[in-house]
Structure formats: structure tokens, C-alpha cells
Amino acid sequence: MTSRLSSRTNTTNPRHNHSITRQRQTQTNMSGVGPVSQDWEPVVLRKKAPTAAAKKDEKAVNAARRSGAEIETQKKYNAGTNKAASSSTSLNTKRLDEDTENLTHEKVPTELKKAIMQARMDKKLTQSQLAQAINEKPQVIQEYESGKAIPNQQIIGKLERALGTKLRGKK
């Protein structure tokens, strides 16, 4: 009994009937009388066109010259320059020329380097032994004693502890 119901609903469904008639119409039109024509254009597959960079390649330009093709060259105005950098340079140059500030690092004062050398000699230590005692490289002690080092308060504190003297209190 359920099979009869389903067959009835299919035949009485207006949507279903409409789609059947539409399909029948298209089949009769295609098999009908008259010339058969195509609605679409044929597709031709080719290599990708060369990019702008490939067109400007030296090999491509030479090949075009050999084949007699027309080549166009252009000279660009201010090509390859940074306008923003060149325009602001004149303002900064004047400021730099007027600046007389001396930009150098602070060096070890002569009193400090003499005090380090004297305390090390009193303890009868070499530069490398003192460096090992404060856990630094021997080059650091050499720079402090020659006056070339940039003063570092931590290293000076280590030297004071290792040598048992005050090095910074004389300021």
C-alpha cells in the first residue's frame, strides 16, 4: 500500500513533471531538424607570455636585434636615486658641520691606572695572575694599566677586592 502512495505522489508532483518535460524538450531540440552548431569557442593552449623582466633580459634584447625587431629604450629621470635621502642631506649636513662636540669614550684616568699597577706590584702579581683572580682576560688588565680601557665599575670593584685597596675613592 505504501508503494501506491509513493507512485501517486511522484506523478502528481508538479515540480517532477515540469523537470521531465524540460528534459524532453532539450532532447527533441538537439535531435531535431536543422544544422548543429556550437555555442563555445575553441580553447588554444600556449606558453605563458614573457614577463617584463624577461623582455628586458640582455639575451632577449640581443635576439630581438638580430631578428630585426623594433627595440625601444628610455632614459628615466633620476632613476635609481633616493629622493628622500638626497633632499634631507642638505639639512643634516649643515647641522653636522656646526657640531663641534667631541664624541669619544671616557678612558681610564691616569690616577686609576697608576693605582692598579702599584697595588698589583705590592701584591707581587703578574697581569695574568690578577686577571685570573678576578675572572677576566689578561688583556683587560693590560688595557686598564695602559689607560686604553673604558672604565667599568664592576671590573673596578673586582680589582679592589682582589688587590685589597680602594681605587675609586679618590675621585
Protein backbone atom coordinates (compact mmCIF):
# COMPACT_ATOMS: atom_id res chain seq x y z
CA MET A 1 0.00 0.00 0.00
CA THR A 2 2.85 2.38 0.63
CA SER A 3 4.23 1.76 -2.85
CA ARG A 4 1.00 3.03 -4.43
CA LEU A 5 1.21 6.19 -2.36
CA SER A 6 4.75 6.96 -3.44
CA SER A 7 3.91 6.39 -7.11
CA ARG A 8 0.95 8.71 -6.82
CA THR A 9 2.95 11.46 -5.22
CA ASN A 10 5.56 11.29 -7.98
CA THR A 11 3.04 11.60 -10.77
CA THR A 12 1.07 14.35 -9.12
CA ASN A 13 4.10 16.39 -8.05
CA PRO A 14 4.16 19.44 -10.38
CA ARG A 15 7.90 20.01 -9.97
CA HIS A 16 8.70 16.49 -11.00
CA ASN A 17 6.51 16.69 -14.09
CA HIS A 18 7.97 20.03 -15.07
CA SER A 19 11.54 18.72 -14.97
CA ILE A 20 10.58 15.75 -17.11
CA THR A 21 9.00 17.93 -19.75
CA ARG A 22 12.02 20.25 -19.79
CA GLN A 23 14.35 17.29 -20.33
CA ARG A 24 12.21 16.03 -23.17
CA GLN A 25 12.21 19.42 -24.83
CA THR A 26 16.00 19.68 -24.79
CA GLN A 27 16.35 16.19 -26.22
CA THR A 28 13.98 16.92 -29.09
CA ASN A 29 15.73 20.18 -29.86
CA MET A 30 19.15 18.54 -30.03
CA SER A 31 17.96 15.65 -32.19
CA GLY A 32 15.61 17.86 -34.15
CA VAL A 33 15.88 19.12 -37.67
CA GLY A 34 18.48 21.76 -38.55
CA PRO A 35 22.22 22.29 -38.52
CA VAL A 36 24.12 21.51 -35.36
CA SER A 37 26.14 24.47 -34.10
CA GLN A 38 28.48 25.03 -31.16
CA ASP A 39 27.97 27.77 -28.63
CA TRP A 40 31.58 27.82 -27.36
CA GLU A 41 34.90 28.99 -28.70
CA PRO A 42 37.81 26.58 -29.11
CA VAL A 43 40.49 26.90 -26.41
CA VAL A 44 44.11 27.16 -27.55
CA LEU A 45 46.83 26.39 -25.00
CA ARG A 46 50.08 28.33 -25.37
CA LYS A 47 53.18 29.07 -23.37
CA LYS A 48 52.92 31.86 -20.84
CA ALA A 49 53.84 35.27 -22.26
CA PRO A 50 57.27 36.53 -21.21
CA THR A 51 57.33 38.77 -18.17
CA ALA A 52 58.62 42.35 -18.23
CA ALA A 53 61.90 41.26 -16.65
CA ALA A 54 62.38 38.55 -19.28
CA LYS A 55 61.70 41.07 -22.05
CA LYS A 56 64.46 43.32 -20.68
CA ASP A 57 66.94 40.47 -20.37
CA GLU A 58 70.15 41.06 -22.32
CA LYS A 59 69.77 37.78 -24.25
CA ALA A 60 66.21 38.67 -25.27
CA VAL A 61 67.24 42.15 -26.40
CA ASN A 62 70.13 40.77 -28.46
CA ALA A 63 67.86 38.16 -30.04
CA ALA A 64 65.38 40.90 -30.94
CA ARG A 65 68.17 42.98 -32.51
CA ARG A 66 69.33 40.00 -34.61
CA SER A 67 65.81 39.31 -35.83
CA GLY A 68 65.33 42.98 -36.75
CA ALA A 69 62.55 43.65 -34.26
CA GLU A 70 61.90 47.18 -33.08
CA ILE A 71 63.54 47.97 -29.73
CA GLU A 72 62.53 50.92 -27.60
CA THR A 73 64.87 52.39 -24.99
CA GLN A 74 64.08 55.04 -22.42
CA LYS A 75 66.32 57.05 -20.13
CA LYS A 76 64.50 57.60 -16.86
CA TYR A 77 65.00 60.85 -14.98
CA ASN A 78 66.57 60.36 -11.51
CA ALA A 79 66.42 56.59 -11.93
CA GLY A 80 67.95 54.65 -9.07
CA THR A 81 68.20 57.59 -6.70
CA ASN A 82 66.54 58.00 -3.36
CA LYS A 83 64.96 61.44 -3.48
CA ALA A 84 64.01 61.45 0.19
CA ALA A 85 67.58 60.79 1.29
CA SER A 86 69.13 63.35 -1.06
CA SER A 87 66.72 66.14 -0.13
CA SER A 88 67.21 65.81 3.64
CA THR A 89 71.00 65.53 3.37
CA SER A 90 71.49 69.27 2.95
CA LEU A 91 69.66 69.98 6.22
CA ASN A 92 71.65 67.42 8.20
CA THR A 93 74.98 68.38 6.67
CA LYS A 94 74.79 71.92 7.98
CA ARG A 95 73.93 70.66 11.45
CA LEU A 96 76.83 68.18 11.38
CA ASP A 97 79.28 70.85 10.21
CA GLU A 98 78.27 73.15 13.06
CA ASP A 99 78.52 70.39 15.64
CA THR A 100 81.85 70.59 17.45
CA GLU A 101 81.06 68.07 20.16
CA ASN A 102 83.85 65.55 20.70
CA LEU A 103 82.37 62.05 20.66
CA THR A 104 84.94 59.87 22.42
CA HIS A 105 84.62 57.32 25.17
CA GLU A 106 85.82 58.01 28.63
CA LYS A 107 89.24 56.46 29.22
CA VAL A 108 90.80 55.19 32.43
CA PRO A 109 92.23 58.18 34.37
CA THR A 110 95.98 58.20 34.97
CA GLU A 111 95.49 58.07 38.78
CA LEU A 112 93.47 54.85 38.47
CA LYS A 113 95.92 53.10 36.15
CA LYS A 114 98.85 54.03 38.42
CA ALA A 115 96.95 52.82 41.49
CA ILE A 116 96.17 49.46 39.82
CA MET A 117 99.81 48.98 38.79
CA GLN A 118 101.11 49.92 42.26
CA ALA A 119 98.68 47.63 44.11
CA ARG A 120 99.47 44.74 41.75
CA MET A 121 103.23 45.22 42.26
CA ASP A 122 102.76 45.36 46.05
CA LYS A 123 100.93 42.01 45.95
CA LYS A 124 103.68 40.66 43.62
CA LEU A 125 101.16 39.53 40.96
CA THR A 126 101.54 39.46 37.21
CA GLN A 127 98.83 40.82 34.95
CA SER A 128 97.68 37.32 34.03
CA GLN A 129 97.56 36.22 37.70
CA LEU A 130 95.48 39.28 38.61
CA ALA A 131 93.19 38.62 35.63
CA GLN A 132 92.73 35.02 36.77
CA ALA A 133 91.95 36.21 40.31
CA ILE A 134 89.12 38.49 39.10
CA ASN A 135 87.98 36.01 36.42
CA GLU A 136 88.76 38.27 33.45
CA LYS A 137 91.11 38.04 30.46
CA PRO A 138 94.71 39.26 30.89
CA GLN A 139 94.05 41.72 28.05
CA VAL A 140 91.54 43.56 30.30
CA ILE A 141 94.21 44.20 32.97
CA GLN A 142 96.66 45.31 30.29
CA GLU A 143 94.11 47.79 28.86
CA TYR A 144 93.35 49.21 32.34
CA GLU A 145 97.02 49.69 33.14
CA SER A 146 97.79 51.26 29.75
CA GLY A 147 94.77 53.60 30.03
CA LYS A 148 93.04 52.33 26.86
CA ALA A 149 90.08 50.64 28.57
CA ILE A 150 86.63 52.14 29.03
CA PRO A 151 86.04 52.18 32.79
CA ASN A 152 83.59 49.55 34.00
CA GLN A 153 82.51 49.84 37.65
CA GLN A 154 82.07 46.08 38.03
CA ILE A 155 85.63 45.34 36.91
CA ILE A 156 87.00 48.12 39.12
CA GLY A 157 85.09 46.60 42.05
CA LYS A 158 86.62 43.17 41.33
CA LEU A 159 90.10 44.76 41.19
CA GLU A 160 89.52 46.48 44.55
CA ARG A 161 88.54 43.18 46.20
CA ALA A 162 91.42 41.22 44.65
CA LEU A 163 94.04 43.86 45.46
CA GLY A 164 92.59 44.83 48.84
CA THR A 165 92.75 48.61 48.16
CA LYS A 166 90.36 51.43 47.34
CA LEU A 167 90.73 52.51 43.72
CA ARG A 168 87.58 54.64 43.26
CA GLY A 169 87.56 56.65 46.49
CA LYS A 170 89.97 59.31 45.24
CA LYS A 171 87.50 61.00 42.86
